[in-house]
Amino acid sequence: MIYIVKQFYNPIKIKTKNSRILVTGATGYIGGRLIPRLLDNNLKVRVLVRDKEKIKNKSWYSKVEVFEGDLTKIETLEGLAEGIDQAYYLIHSMSDSEDYIALDRLVAENFVSIFKNIKQVIYLGGISPEGSEISDHLNSRVEVGRILSSNLPTTEFCAGPIIGSGSASYEMLRHLCEKLPVMIAPKWVNHLVRPISIRDVLKYLILAIDKVPLKKLDIGTDPITFKDMMITYCDFRGLKRFILPVPILAPGLAARWIGLVTPITNLLAVPIVKGIVNNIVGNTQQSLKLFPEISLLSYRDSIKSSFEKTKSEYVETSWNKQDIYPDYQMFNRRGRFEEIRITETEASPEQLFKVFKILGGKEGWLAWNFLWSIRKFVDRIAGGKRIVDSDRENLKKGDTMDCWRIEKFEEDRKILLRMTLKTPGEAWLKLESIPHNEKTFLVITAIFEPKGAWGYIYWYSVFPLHKYIFRDLGIAIIDRAKYL
């Protein structure tokens, strides 16, 4: 199985050709997006991973040279530097633990020891905050940059919060704003930060290949307070929210609150929060001067782009690798639960779509049909209307498919169904057949928007059954498609 990746980005073109580029951190948020863009420039790419099994389902796996090794164990790195012209250093630990800080130092020193003749190392670090206080996490990133630049020709880009679909900063912001009508925030939400879109981070990283090593450059858009970041998101989403700064909320306590109400773990939230207890703006004059070809996306436009890509259901990479399952994704966004199951098949989109159109008809639902029958029987007892099926040969928007009504219909591609049975909320089922290279992805999405407490009780009562119902439905659709 390979991940479905829509090319939302405009290709970034560089002049350098026939170079061999090493990417460390290939399984991370930045590295996973950087690699396909390097390949678009016909560069030879070598990736360093500890376990190649973790990237076998990437669409670019067969196009790169994979080197298995561990930068904490120098004996595993023999031959890594051979033939490498430039390298991306995208490794750092999101923790304040002294063990992780020492580990970051060891990794950087091992890297330096094996790359003696490299033309350039491109490192992504963080903007140093103003004032004397600096979190251990940010201090570690500064130290890594110093180790690299003191020993190798290095271009170090220093960024603030990175805004992009799946980024930790964006997901933290999104969940806080979506879930909390009233936010009790630390007084340092009024401190300035300098956000930057993931699109522009990637542009800097790639265009640096054409440059001589440029030392240390701060990058980002105009400074904005973290409070205004939240207000801008709420304004974009049309949400009415109240943000009340208080002077007593300690960074550690604030981080644990974030870990409670968002998917961001405490381990990740602590360094993020401690990183903004001071103004973090830096000075971007040099980066703007040296990269005039980059027209920075505004913060609001970064939010808009991130939201649209998240809504499209395919996030290219994520801070949380659990968000990018090859066969399962689970979302809870703006009051809707969404389950997405993705299966690769040899069947054509046309074959799958023919099966879509017969589901719930004369042959039933092909999997767990008795449960569908029970559900419809319960609905009739509760006063539901009698179901009249539409002509399955000539389906269109507005027609009925068993207990569902068609809201969207794209021949050989997609059917979006809205449930007509009585439920404490609204339910949809989306069936898609997406061509990908020589194969097809079958995508089954179950969506539920609860109404009141009973809606949540209903969802959590039926949710455990979905694992089996929709898994087996996918298997049955693919099996049936073989004969059409």
Protein backbone atom coordinates (compact mmCIF):
# COMPACT_ATOMS: atom_id res chain seq x y z
CA MET A 1 0.00 0.00 0.00
CA ILE A 2 1.27 3.47 -0.82
CA TYR A 3 -0.13 6.67 0.57
CA ILE A 4 -2.42 8.76 -1.58
CA VAL A 5 -0.74 12.12 -2.04
CA LYS A 6 -2.40 14.87 -4.01
CA GLN A 7 0.05 17.32 -5.54
CA PHE A 8 -1.39 20.52 -4.05
CA TYR A 9 1.91 22.36 -4.49
CA ASN A 10 3.43 24.20 -7.42
CA PRO A 11 6.77 22.60 -8.34
CA ILE A 12 9.84 24.48 -7.07
CA LYS A 13 12.51 24.51 -9.74
CA ILE A 14 16.23 24.87 -9.10
CA LYS A 15 19.29 25.15 -11.37
CA THR A 16 21.46 22.48 -9.76
CA LYS A 17 21.38 19.19 -11.65
CA ASN A 18 22.79 15.69 -11.23
CA SER A 19 23.58 16.15 -7.54
CA ARG A 20 23.14 13.45 -4.94
CA ILE A 21 21.26 14.78 -1.92
CA LEU A 22 20.98 13.11 1.48
CA VAL A 23 17.81 13.59 3.51
CA THR A 24 17.84 12.74 7.20
CA GLY A 25 14.52 12.75 9.03
CA ALA A 26 12.82 11.22 6.00
CA THR A 27 9.95 9.86 8.11
CA GLY A 28 9.25 13.26 9.66
CA TYR A 29 6.82 16.05 8.83
CA ILE A 30 9.31 18.14 6.83
CA GLY A 31 11.37 15.34 5.31
CA GLY A 32 8.35 13.49 3.96
CA ARG A 33 7.27 16.59 2.02
CA LEU A 34 10.76 17.58 0.93
CA ILE A 35 11.67 14.30 -0.80
CA PRO A 36 9.05 14.32 -3.61
CA ARG A 37 9.93 17.94 -4.41
CA LEU A 38 13.62 17.08 -4.68
CA LEU A 39 12.72 14.21 -7.01
CA ASP A 40 10.65 16.65 -9.10
CA ASN A 41 13.96 18.44 -9.77
CA ASN A 42 15.56 15.23 -11.06
CA LEU A 43 17.98 15.12 -8.15
CA LYS A 44 19.38 11.84 -6.87
CA VAL A 45 18.07 11.35 -3.36
CA ARG A 46 19.47 9.13 -0.63
CA VAL A 47 17.44 8.81 2.56
CA LEU A 48 18.77 7.76 5.94
CA VAL A 49 16.33 5.70 8.02
CA ARG A 50 16.71 3.32 10.90
CA ASP A 51 14.10 0.96 9.47
CA LYS A 52 13.21 0.97 5.79
CA GLU A 53 9.94 -0.82 6.55
CA LYS A 54 8.62 2.52 7.82
CA ILE A 55 8.86 4.12 4.37
CA LYS A 56 7.99 1.18 2.10
CA ASN A 57 4.46 2.50 1.68
CA LYS A 58 5.62 5.93 0.51
CA SER A 59 4.91 6.79 -3.11
CA TRP A 60 8.57 7.84 -3.58
CA TYR A 61 10.12 4.72 -2.03
CA SER A 62 11.19 3.12 -5.31
CA LYS A 63 12.68 6.41 -6.57
CA VAL A 64 15.20 6.97 -3.76
CA GLU A 65 18.29 5.22 -2.49
CA VAL A 66 17.59 3.91 1.00
CA PHE A 67 20.39 3.71 3.57
CA GLU A 68 19.59 1.93 6.83
CA GLY A 69 21.57 3.32 9.72
CA ASP A 70 21.33 5.02 13.09
CA LEU A 71 23.09 8.33 13.73
CA THR A 72 23.44 7.43 17.39
CA LYS A 73 25.54 4.40 16.35
CA ILE A 74 28.41 5.53 14.17
CA GLU A 75 29.35 1.96 13.27
CA THR A 76 26.10 1.70 11.24
CA LEU A 77 26.98 4.69 9.02
CA GLU A 78 29.83 3.34 6.93
CA GLY A 79 29.35 4.50 3.34
CA LEU A 80 26.59 6.99 4.16
CA ALA A 81 28.62 10.01 3.05
CA GLU A 82 29.95 8.40 -0.12
CA GLY A 83 28.97 10.40 -3.21
CA ILE A 84 26.83 12.90 -1.30
CA ASP A 85 27.05 16.52 -2.52
CA GLN A 86 24.62 18.18 -0.10
CA ALA A 87 22.63 17.00 2.91
CA TYR A 88 19.51 18.03 4.80
CA TYR A 89 19.73 17.78 8.56
CA LEU A 90 16.13 17.50 9.79
CA ILE A 91 16.63 15.70 13.08
CA HIS A 92 15.68 17.00 16.50
CA SER A 93 13.84 15.77 19.57
CA MET A 94 10.65 17.48 20.74
CA SER A 95 11.41 17.20 24.43
CA ASP A 96 13.05 19.09 27.30
CA SER A 97 14.51 15.90 28.71
CA GLU A 98 18.24 16.10 29.37
CA ASP A 99 18.60 12.63 27.86
CA TYR A 100 17.12 13.81 24.57
CA ILE A 101 19.25 16.95 24.58
CA ALA A 102 22.39 14.85 25.03
CA LEU A 103 21.15 12.54 22.28
CA ASP A 104 20.68 15.46 19.87
CA ARG A 105 24.24 16.54 20.61
CA LEU A 106 25.59 13.03 19.98
CA VAL A 107 23.73 12.72 16.69
CA ALA A 108 25.03 16.06 15.45
CA GLU A 109 28.60 15.22 16.42
CA ASN A 110 28.39 11.82 14.69
CA PHE A 111 27.01 13.49 11.57
CA VAL A 112 29.87 15.97 11.50
CA SER A 113 32.47 13.24 11.94
CA ILE A 114 31.49 11.35 8.78
CA PHE A 115 30.84 14.29 6.41
CA LYS A 116 34.24 15.83 5.85
CA ASN A 117 34.02 16.93 2.21
CA ILE A 118 30.38 17.85 1.80
CA LYS A 119 29.56 21.02 -0.14
CA GLN A 120 26.68 22.12 2.06
CA VAL A 121 24.51 21.03 4.98
CA ILE A 122 21.03 22.57 5.10
CA TYR A 123 19.62 22.62 8.62
CA LEU A 124 16.17 23.68 9.84
CA GLY A 125 16.29 25.07 13.36
CA GLY A 126 14.24 27.53 15.39
CA ILE A 127 14.28 31.28 15.90
CA SER A 128 15.98 32.17 19.17
CA PRO A 129 13.66 34.01 21.58
CA GLU A 130 14.38 37.49 22.88
CA GLY A 131 15.55 37.80 26.48
CA SER A 132 17.64 35.56 28.66
CA GLU A 133 15.11 32.77 29.08
CA ILE A 134 15.29 30.03 26.48
CA SER A 135 13.73 26.59 26.74
CA ASP A 136 16.01 23.58 26.84
CA HIS A 137 14.39 22.39 23.62
CA LEU A 138 15.18 25.59 21.70
CA ASN A 139 18.61 25.77 23.28
CA SER A 140 19.30 22.26 22.00
CA ARG A 141 18.33 23.27 18.47
CA VAL A 142 20.64 26.27 18.68
CA GLU A 143 23.42 24.00 19.91
CA VAL A 144 22.92 21.57 17.02
CA GLY A 145 23.15 24.45 14.55
CA ARG A 146 26.36 25.61 16.21
CA ILE A 147 27.89 22.11 16.01
CA LEU A 148 27.05 21.83 12.31
CA SER A 149 28.13 25.35 11.28
CA SER A 150 31.38 25.18 13.28
CA ASN A 151 32.52 22.08 11.43
CA LEU A 152 30.78 22.00 8.04
CA PRO A 153 29.62 24.52 5.40
CA THR A 154 26.09 25.05 6.70
CA THR A 155 22.98 27.01 5.83
CA GLU A 156 20.79 27.20 8.92
CA PHE A 157 17.20 28.32 8.54
CA CYS A 158 15.53 29.40 11.79
CA ALA A 159 11.73 29.22 11.79
CA GLY A 160 8.93 29.99 14.21
CA PRO A 161 5.62 28.08 14.29
CA ILE A 162 5.18 26.18 11.04
CA ILE A 163 1.61 26.36 9.74
CA GLY A 164 0.52 23.55 7.47
CA SER A 165 -1.95 20.70 7.30
CA GLY A 166 -0.80 18.16 9.84
CA SER A 167 1.79 20.39 11.53
CA ALA A 168 1.89 20.34 15.34
CA SER A 169 1.46 24.13 15.61
CA TYR A 170 -1.54 24.17 13.28
CA GLU A 171 -3.21 21.17 14.90
CA MET A 172 -2.76 22.64 18.38
CA LEU A 173 -4.23 25.96 17.22
CA ARG A 174 -7.10 24.30 15.34
CA HIS A 175 -8.21 22.08 18.21
CA LEU A 176 -8.02 24.85 20.80
CA CYS A 177 -10.10 27.20 18.67
CA GLU A 178 -12.64 24.61 17.53
CA LYS A 179 -13.26 23.07 20.95
CA LEU A 180 -13.10 25.92 23.47
CA PRO A 181 -15.67 28.77 23.36
CA VAL A 182 -13.80 30.41 26.25
CA MET A 183 -10.03 30.06 26.55
CA ILE A 184 -8.19 30.88 29.77
CA ALA A 185 -4.73 31.62 28.41
CA PRO A 186 -1.35 32.56 29.94
CA LYS A 187 -0.44 36.24 29.68
CA TRP A 188 2.35 35.35 27.26
CA VAL A 189 -0.21 34.64 24.52
CA ASN A 190 0.37 38.35 23.90
CA HIS A 191 4.02 37.69 23.01
CA LEU A 192 5.03 37.97 19.37
CA VAL A 193 5.93 34.99 17.21
CA ARG A 194 6.80 34.78 13.52
CA PRO A 195 4.78 32.00 11.85
CA ILE A 196 5.58 30.60 8.42
CA SER A 197 3.67 28.34 6.05
CA ILE A 198 5.04 24.87 5.34
CA ARG A 199 4.96 25.83 1.66
CA ASP A 200 7.49 28.59 2.22
CA VAL A 201 9.69 26.48 4.51
CA LEU A 202 10.03 23.96 1.70
CA LYS A 203 10.84 26.70 -0.80
CA TYR A 204 13.69 27.96 1.35
CA LEU A 205 15.03 24.47 1.89
CA ILE A 206 14.99 23.56 -1.79
CA LEU A 207 16.22 26.85 -3.23
CA ALA A 208 19.17 26.75 -0.82
CA ILE A 209 20.64 23.98 -2.97
CA ASP A 210 21.53 26.62 -5.59
CA LYS A 211 23.18 28.91 -3.04
CA VAL A 212 26.58 28.91 -1.41
CA PRO A 213 26.35 28.13 2.32
CA LEU A 214 24.56 31.12 3.84
CA LYS A 215 25.23 30.66 7.56
CA LYS A 216 22.21 31.51 9.76
CA LEU A 217 18.93 33.01 8.46
CA ASP A 218 15.66 33.72 10.26
CA ILE A 219 12.59 33.07 8.09
CA GLY A 220 8.89 33.84 8.44
CA THR A 221 6.06 36.28 7.85
CA ASP A 222 5.21 39.41 9.83
CA PRO A 223 5.22 38.97 13.62
CA ILE A 224 1.88 38.30 15.29
CA THR A 225 0.87 37.49 18.85
CA PHE A 226 -0.21 33.96 19.62
CA LYS A 227 -3.54 35.42 20.75
CA ASP A 228 -4.00 37.06 17.35
CA MET A 229 -3.08 33.76 15.70
CA MET A 230 -6.07 32.21 17.48
CA ILE A 231 -8.33 35.17 16.73
CA THR A 232 -7.42 35.02 13.04
CA TYR A 233 -8.23 31.30 12.90
CA CYS A 234 -11.56 31.88 14.65
CA ASP A 235 -12.39 34.75 12.30
CA PHE A 236 -11.59 32.57 9.28
CA ARG A 237 -13.84 29.80 10.62
CA GLY A 238 -16.62 32.13 11.74
CA LEU A 239 -16.24 31.06 15.39
CA LYS A 240 -17.09 33.32 18.33
CA ARG A 241 -14.45 32.78 20.98
CA PHE A 242 -13.33 34.62 24.12
CA ILE A 243 -9.64 34.57 25.06
CA LEU A 244 -8.87 35.66 28.60
CA PRO A 245 -5.15 36.04 29.43
CA VAL A 246 -4.28 35.44 33.09
CA PRO A 247 -0.89 35.99 34.79
CA ILE A 248 -0.76 32.79 36.84
CA LEU A 249 -0.89 29.94 34.32
CA ALA A 250 2.59 28.35 34.31
CA PRO A 251 4.02 26.95 31.03
CA GLY A 252 4.03 23.38 32.34
CA LEU A 253 0.39 23.61 33.43
CA ALA A 254 -0.62 25.26 30.14
CA ALA A 255 1.13 22.49 28.19
CA ARG A 256 -0.72 19.81 30.13
CA TRP A 257 -4.02 21.56 29.45
CA ILE A 258 -3.18 21.54 25.73
CA GLY A 259 -2.40 17.84 25.99
CA LEU A 260 -5.83 17.29 27.52
CA VAL A 261 -7.97 19.12 24.96
CA THR A 262 -5.94 18.55 21.77
CA PRO A 263 -4.26 15.53 20.13
CA ILE A 264 -0.86 17.10 20.93
CA THR A 265 0.87 14.97 23.56
CA ASN A 266 2.33 16.51 26.72
CA LEU A 267 5.77 15.46 25.49
CA LEU A 268 5.30 17.67 22.44
CA ALA A 269 3.19 20.42 24.03
CA VAL A 270 5.73 21.25 26.75
CA PRO A 271 8.55 22.37 24.40
CA ILE A 272 6.07 24.18 22.12
CA VAL A 273 4.63 26.18 25.01
CA LYS A 274 7.97 26.87 26.69
CA GLY A 275 9.22 28.11 23.33
CA ILE A 276 6.78 31.04 23.32
CA VAL A 277 7.19 32.41 26.84
CA ASN A 278 9.24 35.19 25.21
CA ASN A 279 8.91 37.09 21.94
CA ILE A 280 10.24 34.98 19.07
CA VAL A 281 10.58 37.20 16.01
CA GLY A 282 14.22 37.22 14.93
CA ASN A 283 15.28 39.30 11.93
CA THR A 284 14.25 38.21 8.45
CA GLN A 285 15.90 41.00 6.44
CA GLN A 286 18.73 38.76 5.24
CA SER A 287 16.49 35.90 4.14
CA LEU A 288 14.20 38.29 2.27
CA LYS A 289 17.22 39.83 0.54
CA LEU A 290 18.86 36.52 -0.40
CA PHE A 291 15.63 34.82 -1.55
CA PRO A 292 13.68 37.55 -3.40
CA GLU A 293 11.96 34.86 -5.50
CA ILE A 294 9.97 33.69 -2.47
CA SER A 295 6.71 35.56 -2.00
CA LEU A 296 5.71 34.63 1.54
CA LEU A 297 2.20 33.39 2.20
CA SER A 298 0.46 35.51 4.83
CA TYR A 299 -0.53 33.88 8.10
CA ARG A 300 -4.25 34.05 7.25
CA ASP A 301 -3.65 32.49 3.83
CA SER A 302 -1.55 29.78 5.51
CA ILE A 303 -4.52 28.98 7.75
CA LYS A 304 -6.86 28.90 4.75
CA SER A 305 -4.53 26.59 2.81
CA SER A 306 -4.02 24.28 5.80
CA PHE A 307 -7.73 24.04 6.48
CA GLU A 308 -8.62 23.28 2.87
CA LYS A 309 -6.01 20.56 2.63
CA THR A 310 -7.11 19.02 5.92
CA LYS A 311 -10.71 19.12 4.73
CA SER A 312 -9.71 17.32 1.52
CA GLU A 313 -9.05 14.27 3.75
CA TYR A 314 -5.51 13.64 2.50
CA VAL A 315 -2.77 15.19 4.60
CA GLU A 316 0.60 14.76 2.91
CA THR A 317 2.55 14.34 6.16
CA SER A 318 1.66 14.84 9.80
CA TRP A 319 3.41 15.57 13.10
CA ASN A 320 1.57 12.47 14.31
CA LYS A 321 2.31 9.51 12.10
CA GLN A 322 -0.89 7.90 13.39
CA ASP A 323 -2.79 10.48 11.29
CA ILE A 324 -1.40 9.04 8.06
CA TYR A 325 -2.47 5.44 8.10
CA PRO A 326 -2.32 3.68 4.75
CA ASP A 327 -5.66 2.02 5.49
CA TYR A 328 -7.37 3.96 8.28
CA GLN A 329 -7.77 7.56 9.39
CA MET A 330 -9.98 8.94 12.15
CA PHE A 331 -10.89 12.62 12.51
CA ASN A 332 -13.05 14.68 14.82
CA ARG A 333 -13.35 18.12 13.28
CA ARG A 334 -15.89 20.88 13.82
CA GLY A 335 -18.29 18.55 15.55
CA ARG A 336 -18.09 15.77 12.94
CA PHE A 337 -16.64 12.31 13.34
CA GLU A 338 -15.03 10.93 10.18
CA GLU A 339 -13.64 7.45 9.65
CA ILE A 340 -11.69 6.87 6.44
CA ARG A 341 -10.66 3.42 5.24
CA ILE A 342 -8.35 3.13 2.25
CA THR A 343 -7.59 -0.08 0.37
CA GLU A 344 -5.44 -0.58 -2.71
CA THR A 345 -6.81 -2.90 -5.39
CA GLU A 346 -6.08 -4.17 -8.88
CA ALA A 347 -9.70 -3.49 -9.85
CA SER A 348 -10.39 -0.51 -12.09
CA PRO A 349 -12.36 2.54 -10.87
CA GLU A 350 -15.14 1.52 -13.24
CA GLN A 351 -15.36 -1.98 -11.74
CA LEU A 352 -15.53 -0.63 -8.20
CA PHE A 353 -18.15 1.92 -9.14
CA LYS A 354 -20.39 -0.77 -10.61
CA VAL A 355 -20.35 -2.44 -7.20
CA PHE A 356 -21.12 0.84 -5.45
CA LYS A 357 -24.33 1.13 -7.45
CA ILE A 358 -25.70 -2.26 -6.37
CA LEU A 359 -25.04 -1.89 -2.63
CA GLY A 360 -28.19 -2.31 -0.56
CA GLY A 361 -30.13 -3.44 -3.61
CA LYS A 362 -31.25 -6.93 -4.58
CA GLU A 363 -27.98 -8.44 -3.32
CA GLY A 364 -28.05 -6.53 -0.06
CA TRP A 365 -24.94 -4.93 1.44
CA LEU A 366 -22.55 -7.79 0.59
CA ALA A 367 -21.22 -7.74 4.19
CA TRP A 368 -23.11 -7.79 7.51
CA ASN A 369 -26.40 -7.40 5.66
CA PHE A 370 -28.41 -8.67 8.65
CA LEU A 371 -27.22 -5.67 10.71
CA TRP A 372 -28.42 -3.27 8.03
CA SER A 373 -31.80 -5.11 8.03
CA ILE A 374 -32.08 -4.83 11.82
CA ARG A 375 -31.26 -1.12 11.68
CA LYS A 376 -33.98 -0.51 9.10
CA PHE A 377 -36.48 -2.59 11.11
CA VAL A 378 -35.79 -0.51 14.23
CA ASP A 379 -36.33 2.65 12.20
CA ARG A 380 -39.76 1.45 11.02
CA ILE A 381 -40.77 0.70 14.60
CA ALA A 382 -39.68 4.21 15.58
CA GLY A 383 -41.98 5.69 12.93
CA GLY A 384 -39.56 5.94 10.02
CA LYS A 385 -40.83 6.13 6.46
CA ARG A 386 -40.97 3.16 4.12
CA ILE A 387 -37.92 3.03 1.87
CA VAL A 388 -38.45 3.15 -1.90
CA ASP A 389 -35.34 2.23 -3.87
CA SER A 390 -34.40 4.08 -7.06
CA ASP A 391 -33.50 2.56 -10.42
CA ARG A 392 -29.95 1.31 -9.89
CA GLU A 393 -29.08 1.50 -13.59
CA ASN A 394 -29.69 5.24 -13.85
CA LEU A 395 -28.65 6.67 -10.50
CA LYS A 396 -28.30 10.41 -10.03
CA LYS A 397 -28.21 13.05 -7.30
CA GLY A 398 -31.38 12.92 -5.20
CA ASP A 399 -32.06 9.22 -5.81
CA THR A 400 -32.41 6.68 -3.00
CA MET A 401 -30.05 3.77 -2.40
CA ASP A 402 -31.69 1.61 0.27
CA CYS A 403 -31.62 3.74 3.47
CA TRP A 404 -29.50 6.49 1.93
CA ARG A 405 -30.15 9.46 -0.36
CA ILE A 406 -27.53 10.49 -2.94
CA GLU A 407 -26.10 13.97 -2.26
CA LYS A 408 -23.22 13.79 -4.75
CA PHE A 409 -22.77 11.50 -7.72
CA GLU A 410 -19.68 11.44 -9.92
CA GLU A 411 -19.72 8.58 -12.42
CA ASP A 412 -16.88 6.08 -11.90
CA ARG A 413 -15.49 8.18 -9.05
CA LYS A 414 -17.66 9.08 -6.07
CA ILE A 415 -21.05 8.61 -4.39
CA LEU A 416 -21.90 10.62 -1.26
CA LEU A 417 -24.91 9.19 0.59
CA ARG A 418 -26.92 10.79 3.38
CA MET A 419 -28.80 8.50 5.77
CA THR A 420 -32.61 8.73 5.69
CA LEU A 421 -33.14 6.69 8.88
CA LYS A 422 -33.89 8.37 12.20
CA THR A 423 -30.69 9.21 14.10
CA PRO A 424 -29.76 11.75 16.81
CA GLY A 425 -27.67 13.60 14.27
CA GLU A 426 -26.73 13.43 10.59
CA ALA A 427 -24.91 10.51 8.95
CA TRP A 428 -23.19 10.18 5.59
CA LEU A 429 -21.40 7.38 3.74
CA LYS A 430 -18.92 8.26 0.99
CA LEU A 431 -17.68 5.69 -1.50
CA GLU A 432 -14.78 6.60 -3.79
CA SER A 433 -12.73 4.84 -6.46
CA ILE A 434 -9.51 6.81 -6.98
CA PRO A 435 -7.09 5.83 -9.77
CA HIS A 436 -3.43 5.84 -8.75
CA ASN A 437 -0.75 4.81 -11.24
CA GLU A 438 -1.69 1.32 -12.41
CA LYS A 439 -3.94 0.60 -9.45
CA THR A 440 -6.99 2.01 -7.68
CA PHE A 441 -7.73 3.11 -4.15
CA LEU A 442 -11.10 2.16 -2.67
CA VAL A 443 -11.95 4.81 -0.06
CA ILE A 444 -14.89 4.30 2.32
CA THR A 445 -15.69 7.24 4.61
CA ALA A 446 -18.28 7.10 7.40
CA ILE A 447 -19.29 10.55 8.69
CA PHE A 448 -21.50 11.41 11.66
CA GLU A 449 -22.49 14.80 13.04
CA PRO A 450 -24.06 14.27 16.49
CA LYS A 451 -26.90 16.40 17.78
CA GLY A 452 -26.84 16.79 21.53
CA ALA A 453 -25.75 14.26 24.13
CA TRP A 454 -27.82 11.46 22.59
CA GLY A 455 -25.91 11.94 19.36
CA TYR A 456 -22.60 11.25 21.10
CA ILE A 457 -24.07 8.25 22.94
CA TYR A 458 -25.36 6.88 19.63
CA TRP A 459 -21.98 7.36 17.91
CA TYR A 460 -19.92 5.70 20.61
CA SER A 461 -22.38 2.79 20.79
CA VAL A 462 -22.14 1.96 17.08
CA PHE A 463 -18.51 2.99 16.54
CA PRO A 464 -17.02 -0.37 17.73
CA LEU A 465 -19.03 -2.20 15.05
CA HIS A 466 -17.65 0.00 12.26
CA LYS A 467 -14.25 -1.71 12.44
CA TYR A 468 -15.84 -4.91 11.21
CA ILE A 469 -18.72 -3.61 9.08
CA PHE A 470 -16.73 -1.24 6.85
CA ARG A 471 -13.59 -3.39 6.80
CA ASP A 472 -15.60 -6.35 5.51
CA LEU A 473 -17.62 -4.12 3.18
CA GLY A 474 -14.37 -3.00 1.53
CA ILE A 475 -13.21 -6.59 1.13
CA ALA A 476 -16.57 -7.58 -0.34
CA ILE A 477 -16.61 -4.67 -2.81
CA ILE A 478 -13.15 -5.55 -4.12
CA ASP A 479 -14.02 -9.25 -4.34
CA ARG A 480 -17.28 -8.51 -6.19
CA ALA A 481 -15.52 -6.10 -8.57
CA LYS A 482 -13.42 -8.96 -9.96
CA TYR A 483 -16.50 -10.36 -11.66
CA LEU A 484 -17.75 -7.11 -13.22
